[in-house]
Amino acid sequence: MDVCEEYVSMPASPMAECFNSSVLNVFVLGVLESEIPIDDSKAVPLLEHLLLPINTRFSSIMVKDNKGKKHWKQVDVNVKEHIKIPTFPTNTPLKLYDEYLKDYMTKISTEELPQDKPLWEMHMIIYPTSSAAGTFIFKLHHSLGDGYSLMTTLLSCVQRADDPSVPITFPSSRRSLVESKINIKTMLRGLPSSASLVKNAVDFWWNALKGSLIANDGQTTIRSGHEDVGFRPIDISNVSVSLESIKQVKNLLKVSVNDALVGIIFLGIRLYMEAMNHESSNANTTALVLLNTRKIRAYKSVKDMLAKNSEAPWGNRFHFMHIPIPELSDTNKLNPLEFVLEANKIIETKRYSLAVPLTDMILGLVNKIKGPEAAAKNVQKMLNNSSLSISHMVGPVEKVAWTNHPIKGFYFMTVGLSQSLTVTITSYMGYLRLGFGVEKGFIDEHKFNTCFKTALEMMLNAART
């Protein structure tokens, strides 16, 4: 691939450099389940005429200047080199195709994207599974942008399945874990007392310690503690949950959908830890939750995102929020709704803590003073010292089609994080798809899924009584 000298290179953001470094190689797998068999002949023109023009990031590579600073350099793209179509055995039962797809996702989750080509691929699984007639898998390096940027890209490439002539409705969400406006000046004005300052200081230093070797979660049944865990194979599974069922808990407890769902996830994690090793069931366990730091919650078009002084700029615009997972007790086992309320209380406290933006400021200083590799090591330690990450994306409201293939299901998984467990949440057409990425051979994915389903059942039964 030849670099086009007439193109002007653009500096890579600090977080883009962190995610594409010697210690971190983070990318996103976006899975679209087709309702009809896949016609692979339509992929190339759509990628050429829709994906590439969206943003120069999709036609750029990362290069270093003579000072070691990374830049995006636009290149000529041969789209066919980015399309992968694996071959599976034919005339196979659907359950075996499920296993082939699962093994294939494990395989591509450990493969690095070539640095001499734009950092994305599209994999087309032309075989049926129990979930779909065919499967599209987008492998996108996280340095290209965060979930908000990548979801906007998807919304710009799909059409409404019922009427392609009608524009896609860009979804919006009310307050959520990943979409919270953080403004330091506003929070400073709102601090009511010296007690709040002390509390924010404690939160800040606790977050800072989580980014060092001093404070970390211990080794448990969901945290192996392996330094190279981000480069180890993972098993990926997913569970579908009705949004209306989660709203039963939300409405009863007067919390957000996301807080209710995260409380259920936390309960499922504690049930799994108890089932696998009772002694570690209430060990100190911390979840890293991603917070979108843009000024607005609703999605904007890519054109609006790329505009100067945009309220929703392109890129990686998020903070990490440290959330201690509540302990499991006889009380909240008998009344699991108490578990959600306890989780909600912790989340509300952390969401508006100054620790989140201040920790991000420290990361920026490390990047400027010691360079991107030092900043990447700091992020890697922060991830490795916590037990899991949770990220959530609001997906399309209407049924959509990709290259005239109606999409019946959609979910994503973040791969390459330095943790044994990653949880992702995607909403689509009134359903929530939870993706679980677990360290292969360490976490029992089947047992974990069972514990989550048990937690969900416990919570819904409690909400009905």
Protein backbone atom coordinates (compact mmCIF):
# COMPACT_ATOMS: atom_id res chain seq x y z
CA MET A 1 0.00 0.00 0.00
CA ASP A 2 1.46 3.35 -0.99
CA VAL A 3 1.31 6.38 1.23
CA CYS A 4 -0.29 9.31 -0.57
CA GLU A 5 2.14 12.16 -0.01
CA GLU A 6 -0.43 14.78 -0.94
CA TYR A 7 -2.45 13.95 2.15
CA VAL A 8 -1.64 15.84 5.35
CA SER A 9 -1.10 13.66 8.41
CA MET A 10 -3.09 14.29 11.59
CA PRO A 11 -1.74 13.81 15.14
CA ALA A 12 -3.14 10.78 16.94
CA SER A 13 -4.92 11.48 20.22
CA PRO A 14 -3.30 10.32 23.50
CA MET A 15 -5.91 7.57 23.98
CA ALA A 16 -5.48 6.39 20.36
CA GLU A 17 -1.75 6.04 21.06
CA CYS A 18 -2.46 4.17 24.32
CA PHE A 19 -4.73 1.65 22.61
CA ASN A 20 -2.14 0.97 19.90
CA SER A 21 1.05 0.51 21.91
CA SER A 22 3.51 -2.16 23.02
CA VAL A 23 1.42 -2.98 26.11
CA LEU A 24 -2.12 -2.52 24.77
CA ASN A 25 -3.70 -3.58 21.48
CA VAL A 26 -7.41 -2.90 21.91
CA PHE A 27 -10.10 -3.29 19.28
CA VAL A 28 -13.83 -3.82 18.93
CA LEU A 29 -15.68 -6.73 17.35
CA GLY A 30 -19.08 -5.59 16.08
CA VAL A 31 -21.36 -8.54 15.26
CA LEU A 32 -24.34 -8.12 12.91
CA GLU A 33 -26.60 -11.16 12.52
CA SER A 34 -28.22 -11.34 9.08
CA GLU A 35 -31.78 -12.51 8.63
CA ILE A 36 -31.00 -13.81 5.11
CA PRO A 37 -28.04 -15.67 3.57
CA ILE A 38 -25.11 -13.36 2.88
CA ASP A 39 -24.44 -12.12 -0.65
CA ASP A 40 -20.75 -11.19 -0.42
CA SER A 41 -20.74 -9.45 -3.83
CA LYS A 42 -22.28 -6.30 -2.32
CA ALA A 43 -19.63 -5.70 0.33
CA VAL A 44 -16.82 -4.10 -1.68
CA PRO A 45 -18.80 -1.28 -3.32
CA LEU A 46 -20.55 -0.42 -0.07
CA LEU A 47 -17.29 -0.21 1.86
CA GLU A 48 -15.69 1.86 -0.89
CA HIS A 49 -18.59 4.29 -1.28
CA LEU A 50 -19.91 4.47 2.29
CA LEU A 51 -17.33 3.48 4.93
CA LEU A 52 -14.16 5.04 3.51
CA PRO A 53 -15.66 8.50 2.83
CA ILE A 54 -17.10 8.74 6.35
CA ASN A 55 -13.78 9.61 7.95
CA THR A 56 -10.15 9.58 6.81
CA ARG A 57 -9.38 7.35 9.81
CA PHE A 58 -10.72 4.41 7.79
CA SER A 59 -8.17 5.08 5.05
CA SER A 60 -5.22 5.96 7.28
CA ILE A 61 -2.40 4.18 9.06
CA MET A 62 -0.54 5.15 12.22
CA VAL A 63 3.03 6.35 11.65
CA LYS A 64 5.68 7.80 13.98
CA ASP A 65 7.47 11.06 13.40
CA ASN A 66 11.15 11.59 14.28
CA LYS A 67 10.15 12.49 17.85
CA GLY A 68 8.22 9.24 18.36
CA LYS A 69 4.83 10.96 18.17
CA LYS A 70 2.19 9.00 16.27
CA HIS A 71 0.18 10.49 13.41
CA TRP A 72 -2.60 9.33 11.11
CA LYS A 73 -1.33 9.14 7.53
CA GLN A 74 -3.84 8.65 4.73
CA VAL A 75 -3.08 5.88 2.21
CA ASP A 76 -4.63 4.24 -0.82
CA VAL A 77 -6.92 1.41 0.26
CA ASN A 78 -7.52 -1.92 -1.43
CA VAL A 79 -10.86 -2.81 0.18
CA LYS A 80 -10.61 -6.46 -0.86
CA GLU A 81 -7.59 -6.86 1.42
CA HIS A 82 -9.79 -5.95 4.39
CA ILE A 83 -12.53 -8.51 3.68
CA LYS A 84 -12.13 -11.99 5.16
CA ILE A 85 -14.43 -14.92 4.30
CA PRO A 86 -13.52 -18.06 6.27
CA THR A 87 -14.27 -21.58 5.05
CA PHE A 88 -16.15 -23.94 7.36
CA PRO A 89 -17.15 -27.59 6.67
CA THR A 90 -20.39 -27.83 4.68
CA ASN A 91 -23.61 -29.73 5.47
CA THR A 92 -23.06 -29.26 9.18
CA PRO A 93 -25.71 -29.05 11.95
CA LEU A 94 -26.40 -25.54 13.22
CA LYS A 95 -24.97 -26.32 16.65
CA LEU A 96 -21.63 -27.18 15.06
CA TYR A 97 -21.71 -23.97 13.03
CA ASP A 98 -22.29 -22.17 16.34
CA GLU A 99 -19.05 -23.71 17.60
CA TYR A 100 -17.17 -22.88 14.39
CA LEU A 101 -18.26 -19.25 14.66
CA LYS A 102 -17.33 -19.13 18.35
CA ASP A 103 -13.88 -20.59 17.66
CA TYR A 104 -13.39 -18.18 14.76
CA MET A 105 -14.17 -15.19 16.96
CA THR A 106 -11.67 -16.46 19.53
CA LYS A 107 -9.10 -16.78 16.78
CA ILE A 108 -9.50 -13.27 15.35
CA SER A 109 -9.63 -11.78 18.85
CA THR A 110 -5.96 -12.67 19.34
CA GLU A 111 -4.72 -11.66 15.88
CA GLU A 112 -3.16 -8.23 15.52
CA LEU A 113 -4.30 -5.95 12.74
CA PRO A 114 -1.50 -5.18 10.24
CA GLN A 115 -0.01 -1.76 10.98
CA ASP A 116 0.77 -1.12 7.30
CA LYS A 117 -2.95 -1.05 6.43
CA PRO A 118 -5.90 0.94 7.84
CA LEU A 119 -6.88 -0.61 11.16
CA TRP A 120 -10.11 -2.39 10.32
CA GLU A 121 -11.42 -5.60 8.77
CA MET A 122 -14.80 -7.06 7.87
CA HIS A 123 -15.32 -10.80 8.29
CA MET A 124 -18.28 -12.43 6.55
CA ILE A 125 -19.52 -15.76 7.89
CA ILE A 126 -21.61 -17.11 5.04
CA TYR A 127 -22.79 -20.15 7.03
CA PRO A 128 -26.00 -20.30 9.07
CA THR A 129 -26.02 -20.56 12.86
CA SER A 130 -28.81 -21.00 15.37
CA SER A 131 -28.98 -17.20 15.61
CA ALA A 132 -28.70 -16.07 11.99
CA ALA A 133 -28.56 -17.03 8.32
CA GLY A 134 -25.14 -15.37 8.14
CA THR A 135 -22.95 -13.13 10.25
CA PHE A 136 -20.98 -9.93 9.58
CA ILE A 137 -18.13 -9.21 12.00
CA PHE A 138 -16.44 -5.82 11.94
CA LYS A 139 -13.01 -5.79 13.55
CA LEU A 140 -12.18 -2.15 14.32
CA HIS A 141 -9.14 -0.92 16.19
CA HIS A 142 -10.13 1.14 19.23
CA SER A 143 -7.65 3.82 18.19
CA LEU A 144 -10.07 4.70 15.36
CA GLY A 145 -12.61 5.95 17.88
CA ASP A 146 -14.74 4.99 20.86
CA GLY A 147 -18.12 3.28 20.85
CA TYR A 148 -19.96 6.55 20.21
CA SER A 149 -17.86 7.25 17.10
CA LEU A 150 -18.10 3.68 15.81
CA MET A 151 -21.87 3.45 16.42
CA THR A 152 -22.35 6.68 14.49
CA THR A 153 -20.34 5.11 11.67
CA LEU A 154 -22.65 2.09 11.66
CA LEU A 155 -25.75 4.31 11.63
CA SER A 156 -24.30 6.12 8.61
CA CYS A 157 -23.86 2.85 6.69
CA VAL A 158 -27.17 1.06 7.36
CA GLN A 159 -30.69 1.67 6.09
CA ARG A 160 -34.10 1.14 7.58
CA ALA A 161 -35.14 -2.41 6.73
CA ASP A 162 -38.80 -1.49 6.23
CA ASP A 163 -38.20 1.53 3.99
CA PRO A 164 -34.65 2.43 2.86
CA SER A 165 -35.86 5.82 1.63
CA VAL A 166 -36.67 6.92 5.21
CA PRO A 167 -33.65 8.20 7.20
CA ILE A 168 -32.43 6.22 10.17
CA THR A 169 -33.54 7.62 13.52
CA PHE A 170 -30.42 8.50 15.46
CA PRO A 171 -31.09 7.03 18.92
CA SER A 172 -30.75 9.04 22.08
CA SER A 173 -30.63 7.96 25.67
CA ARG A 174 -31.33 9.64 28.92
CA ARG A 175 -28.64 9.64 31.56
CA SER A 176 -26.56 6.49 31.32
CA LEU A 177 -23.33 5.00 32.54
CA VAL A 178 -21.58 5.76 29.29
CA GLU A 179 -23.24 9.08 28.53
CA SER A 180 -22.74 11.49 31.41
CA LYS A 181 -21.79 15.10 30.99
CA ILE A 182 -18.70 15.86 33.07
CA ASN A 183 -17.81 19.50 33.57
CA ILE A 184 -15.13 20.31 36.14
CA LYS A 185 -16.19 23.95 36.59
CA THR A 186 -19.81 22.95 37.15
CA MET A 187 -18.83 20.33 39.71
CA LEU A 188 -16.53 22.74 41.53
CA ARG A 189 -19.35 25.29 41.81
CA GLY A 190 -21.63 22.57 43.13
CA LEU A 191 -19.36 21.32 45.91
CA PRO A 192 -21.37 22.11 49.07
CA SER A 193 -18.79 21.66 51.81
CA SER A 194 -15.26 20.78 52.81
CA ALA A 195 -16.54 17.24 53.40
CA SER A 196 -17.24 16.95 49.68
CA LEU A 197 -13.70 18.13 48.92
CA VAL A 198 -12.28 15.49 51.24
CA LYS A 199 -14.46 12.81 49.67
CA ASN A 200 -13.40 13.82 46.15
CA ALA A 201 -9.76 13.82 47.23
CA VAL A 202 -10.13 10.30 48.65
CA ASP A 203 -11.81 9.13 45.45
CA PHE A 204 -9.10 10.73 43.35
CA TRP A 205 -6.22 9.12 45.22
CA TRP A 206 -7.99 5.76 45.27
CA ASN A 207 -8.39 5.97 41.48
CA ALA A 208 -4.75 7.02 41.18
CA LEU A 209 -3.65 4.03 43.26
CA LYS A 210 -5.66 1.78 40.95
CA GLY A 211 -3.42 3.04 38.16
CA SER A 212 -0.29 2.06 40.06
CA LEU A 213 1.17 -1.17 41.37
CA ILE A 214 0.17 -0.29 44.94
CA ALA A 215 -3.57 -1.02 44.93
CA ASN A 216 -5.19 -3.80 42.99
CA ASP A 217 -7.98 -6.34 43.24
CA GLY A 218 -6.70 -9.67 44.48
CA GLN A 219 -6.66 -12.86 42.46
CA THR A 220 -10.20 -14.25 42.38
CA THR A 221 -12.36 -16.50 40.24
CA ILE A 222 -12.89 -13.58 37.82
CA ARG A 223 -9.37 -12.12 37.92
CA SER A 224 -6.39 -14.31 37.07
CA GLY A 225 -3.89 -11.50 37.58
CA HIS A 226 -1.86 -12.51 34.52
CA GLU A 227 0.14 -9.53 33.26
CA ASP A 228 -0.39 -10.60 29.65
CA VAL A 229 -4.11 -11.33 30.00
CA GLY A 230 -4.96 -8.77 27.30
CA PHE A 231 -3.12 -10.90 24.75
CA ARG A 232 -4.59 -14.25 25.82
CA PRO A 233 -7.47 -16.00 23.99
CA ILE A 234 -11.01 -15.21 25.10
CA ASP A 235 -14.36 -16.96 24.83
CA ILE A 236 -17.20 -14.70 23.68
CA SER A 237 -20.86 -15.39 24.46
CA ASN A 238 -23.97 -13.27 24.66
CA VAL A 239 -27.40 -13.17 26.28
CA SER A 240 -30.52 -11.34 25.04
CA VAL A 241 -32.75 -9.55 27.55
CA SER A 242 -36.04 -7.73 26.96
CA LEU A 243 -35.75 -4.02 27.67
CA GLU A 244 -39.28 -4.05 29.07
CA SER A 245 -38.28 -6.61 31.70
CA ILE A 246 -35.45 -4.41 32.93
CA LYS A 247 -37.84 -1.46 33.03
CA GLN A 248 -39.87 -3.34 35.62
CA VAL A 249 -36.93 -3.07 38.00
CA LYS A 250 -36.16 0.48 36.87
CA ASN A 251 -39.69 1.77 37.47
CA LEU A 252 -40.05 0.06 40.82
CA LEU A 253 -36.75 1.36 42.22
CA LYS A 254 -36.79 4.71 40.36
CA VAL A 255 -33.31 4.20 38.93
CA SER A 256 -32.06 4.27 35.34
CA VAL A 257 -32.24 1.24 33.04
CA ASN A 258 -28.46 1.12 33.02
CA ASP A 259 -28.17 1.22 36.80
CA ALA A 260 -30.74 -1.58 37.12
CA LEU A 261 -28.94 -3.69 34.53
CA VAL A 262 -25.49 -3.11 36.03
CA GLY A 263 -26.86 -4.06 39.44
CA ILE A 264 -28.08 -7.35 37.94
CA ILE A 265 -24.68 -7.91 36.30
CA PHE A 266 -22.94 -7.28 39.62
CA LEU A 267 -25.24 -9.77 41.37
CA GLY A 268 -24.51 -12.35 38.67
CA ILE A 269 -20.78 -11.83 39.16
CA ARG A 270 -21.06 -12.31 42.92
CA LEU A 271 -23.16 -15.46 42.43
CA TYR A 272 -20.48 -16.83 40.08
CA MET A 273 -17.69 -16.00 42.52
CA GLU A 274 -19.60 -17.71 45.33
CA ALA A 275 -20.31 -20.79 43.22
CA MET A 276 -16.68 -21.19 42.12
CA ASN A 277 -14.96 -20.35 45.41
CA HIS A 278 -16.97 -19.35 48.46
CA GLU A 279 -13.93 -17.81 50.18
CA SER A 280 -13.41 -15.26 47.39
CA SER A 281 -17.10 -14.48 46.89
CA ASN A 282 -16.86 -11.16 48.73
CA ALA A 283 -13.29 -10.23 47.88
CA ASN A 284 -12.59 -6.63 46.89
CA THR A 285 -13.75 -6.49 43.28
CA THR A 286 -13.72 -3.38 41.11
CA ALA A 287 -15.45 -2.73 37.79
CA LEU A 288 -14.22 -0.10 35.37
CA VAL A 289 -17.18 1.59 33.70
CA LEU A 290 -16.68 3.77 30.63
CA LEU A 291 -18.13 7.29 30.75
CA ASN A 292 -18.74 9.27 27.58
CA THR A 293 -17.47 12.82 28.21
CA ARG A 294 -19.15 14.59 25.28
CA LYS A 295 -21.44 17.51 26.07
CA ILE A 296 -24.52 15.82 24.60
CA ARG A 297 -26.04 12.36 24.84
CA ALA A 298 -27.80 12.05 21.50
CA TYR A 299 -25.93 10.77 18.46
CA LYS A 300 -24.90 13.28 15.83
CA SER A 301 -24.10 12.70 12.17
CA VAL A 302 -20.47 12.10 11.27
CA LYS A 303 -20.46 15.47 9.49
CA ASP A 304 -21.51 17.17 12.73
CA MET A 305 -18.94 15.21 14.73
CA LEU A 306 -16.11 16.31 12.44
CA ALA A 307 -17.18 19.97 12.45
CA LYS A 308 -15.00 22.50 14.26
CA ASN A 309 -15.97 22.99 17.93
CA SER A 310 -18.44 20.09 17.73
CA GLU A 311 -20.34 19.23 20.91
CA ALA A 312 -19.86 15.58 20.01
CA PRO A 313 -16.36 15.34 18.49
CA TRP A 314 -14.98 12.21 16.86
CA GLY A 315 -12.42 10.08 18.67
CA ASN A 316 -11.95 8.46 22.06
CA ARG A 317 -13.78 10.78 24.42
CA PHE A 318 -14.35 8.87 27.65
CA HIS A 319 -13.16 8.42 31.21
CA PHE A 320 -12.85 5.29 33.34
CA MET A 321 -15.03 5.19 36.45
CA HIS A 322 -14.01 2.79 39.25
CA ILE A 323 -17.04 1.07 40.82
CA PRO A 324 -16.53 -1.30 43.79
CA ILE A 325 -18.96 -4.22 43.40
CA PRO A 326 -21.24 -4.61 46.46
CA GLU A 327 -20.68 -7.67 48.60
CA LEU A 328 -23.15 -10.53 48.60
CA SER A 329 -25.06 -10.95 51.87
CA ASP A 330 -27.94 -13.00 53.20
CA THR A 331 -30.04 -9.82 53.15
CA ASN A 332 -29.57 -8.94 49.49
CA LYS A 333 -29.89 -12.59 48.51
CA LEU A 334 -33.34 -12.67 50.06
CA ASN A 335 -34.17 -9.26 48.61
CA PRO A 336 -32.01 -8.84 45.48
CA LEU A 337 -33.54 -5.41 44.80
CA GLU A 338 -31.39 -4.18 47.68
CA PHE A 339 -28.36 -5.16 45.60
CA VAL A 340 -29.46 -2.86 42.77
CA LEU A 341 -30.12 0.00 45.21
CA GLU A 342 -26.68 -0.44 46.77
CA ALA A 343 -25.02 -0.54 43.35
CA ASN A 344 -27.02 2.54 42.29
CA LYS A 345 -25.86 4.46 45.37
CA ILE A 346 -22.21 3.71 44.59
CA ILE A 347 -22.63 4.61 40.92
CA GLU A 348 -24.37 7.91 41.71
CA THR A 349 -21.55 8.86 44.08
CA LYS A 350 -18.82 7.98 41.61
CA ARG A 351 -20.55 9.41 38.53
CA TYR A 352 -20.21 13.00 39.69
CA SER A 353 -16.94 12.64 41.56
CA LEU A 354 -14.07 14.92 40.58
CA ALA A 355 -11.84 11.83 40.69
CA VAL A 356 -12.90 10.83 37.19
CA PRO A 357 -11.82 13.95 35.25
CA LEU A 358 -8.82 14.59 37.54
CA THR A 359 -7.50 11.10 36.92
CA ASP A 360 -7.87 11.75 33.20
CA MET A 361 -5.91 14.98 33.58
CA ILE A 362 -3.08 13.08 35.26
CA LEU A 363 -3.01 10.64 32.35
CA GLY A 364 -2.70 13.56 29.95
CA LEU A 365 0.24 14.95 31.94
CA VAL A 366 1.98 11.57 31.90
CA ASN A 367 1.55 11.48 28.13
CA LYS A 368 3.06 14.95 27.70
CA ILE A 369 5.95 14.50 30.13
CA LYS A 370 6.93 10.85 29.73
CA GLY A 371 5.38 10.02 26.37
CA PRO A 372 2.62 7.77 25.00
CA GLU A 373 4.23 4.47 26.02
CA ALA A 374 4.35 5.59 29.66
CA ALA A 375 0.71 6.68 29.45
CA ALA A 376 -0.23 3.34 27.89
CA LYS A 377 1.49 1.48 30.74
CA ASN A 378 -0.52 3.57 33.20
CA VAL A 379 -3.80 2.64 31.48
CA GLN A 380 -2.69 -1.00 31.29
CA LYS A 381 -2.04 -1.04 35.04
CA MET A 382 -5.41 0.60 35.73
CA LEU A 383 -7.14 -2.11 33.73
CA ASN A 384 -5.05 -4.96 35.12
CA ASN A 385 -5.52 -3.84 38.72
CA SER A 386 -9.32 -3.93 38.33
CA SER A 387 -11.40 -7.05 37.74
CA LEU A 388 -13.60 -6.19 34.76
CA SER A 389 -14.82 -3.47 32.38
CA ILE A 390 -18.38 -2.59 31.41
CA SER A 391 -19.35 -0.52 28.39
CA HIS A 392 -22.78 0.19 26.96
CA MET A 393 -23.95 1.45 23.57
CA VAL A 394 -27.40 2.57 22.49
CA GLY A 395 -28.09 0.92 19.14
CA PRO A 396 -30.69 1.47 16.40
CA VAL A 397 -34.32 1.72 17.42
CA GLU A 398 -35.73 0.44 14.11
CA LYS A 399 -34.77 -2.72 12.31
CA VAL A 400 -31.87 -1.92 9.98
CA ALA A 401 -30.30 -3.50 6.92
CA TRP A 402 -26.63 -3.72 5.94
CA THR A 403 -26.03 -4.11 2.17
CA ASN A 404 -29.75 -5.02 1.87
CA HIS A 405 -29.37 -7.74 4.52
CA PRO A 406 -31.96 -7.22 7.30
CA ILE A 407 -30.17 -7.40 10.66
CA LYS A 408 -32.01 -9.47 13.27
CA GLY A 409 -29.45 -9.10 16.06
CA PHE A 410 -26.50 -6.93 16.99
CA TYR A 411 -23.84 -6.88 19.71
CA PHE A 412 -20.20 -5.96 20.22
CA MET A 413 -17.19 -7.00 22.27
CA THR A 414 -14.12 -5.03 23.30
CA VAL A 415 -11.00 -7.18 22.95
CA GLY A 416 -7.45 -6.69 24.22
CA LEU A 417 -8.22 -5.14 27.61
CA SER A 418 -5.91 -6.32 30.39
CA GLN A 419 -8.66 -8.14 32.27
CA SER A 420 -10.10 -11.63 32.52
CA LEU A 421 -13.69 -10.39 32.13
CA THR A 422 -15.28 -7.82 29.84
CA VAL A 423 -19.02 -7.05 29.71
CA THR A 424 -20.66 -5.09 26.90
CA ILE A 425 -24.28 -3.97 26.52
CA THR A 426 -26.00 -3.08 23.24
CA SER A 427 -29.61 -2.04 22.74
CA TYR A 428 -31.41 -2.86 19.49
CA MET A 429 -35.14 -2.94 18.67
CA GLY A 430 -36.32 -3.17 22.28
CA TYR A 431 -33.78 -5.77 23.38
CA LEU A 432 -30.49 -5.61 25.23
CA ARG A 433 -27.66 -7.90 24.16
CA LEU A 434 -25.07 -8.54 26.82
CA GLY A 435 -21.72 -9.73 25.57
CA PHE A 436 -19.37 -11.58 27.91
CA GLY A 437 -15.70 -11.87 27.00
CA VAL A 438 -13.87 -14.20 29.41
CA GLU A 439 -10.30 -15.39 29.64
CA LYS A 440 -10.29 -18.79 27.93
CA GLY A 441 -9.54 -21.69 30.26
CA PHE A 442 -9.85 -19.51 33.38
CA ILE A 443 -13.50 -18.37 33.61
CA ASP A 444 -16.20 -20.99 32.99
CA GLU A 445 -18.34 -19.13 30.45
CA HIS A 446 -21.29 -21.53 30.73
CA LYS A 447 -21.38 -21.26 34.52
CA PHE A 448 -20.99 -17.49 34.29
CA ASN A 449 -23.93 -17.18 31.88
CA THR A 450 -26.04 -19.39 34.15
CA CYS A 451 -25.26 -17.19 37.16
CA PHE A 452 -26.20 -14.06 35.23
CA LYS A 453 -29.51 -15.63 34.17
CA THR A 454 -30.13 -16.65 37.80
CA ALA A 455 -29.47 -13.08 38.95
CA LEU A 456 -31.85 -11.76 36.29
CA GLU A 457 -34.58 -14.20 37.33
CA MET A 458 -34.08 -13.35 41.01
CA MET A 459 -34.38 -9.64 40.26
CA LEU A 460 -37.43 -9.92 38.02
CA ASN A 461 -39.23 -12.20 40.49
CA ALA A 462 -38.53 -9.71 43.29
CA ALA A 463 -39.84 -6.85 41.15
CA ARG A 464 -43.11 -8.71 40.47
CA THR A 465 -43.86 -9.45 44.14
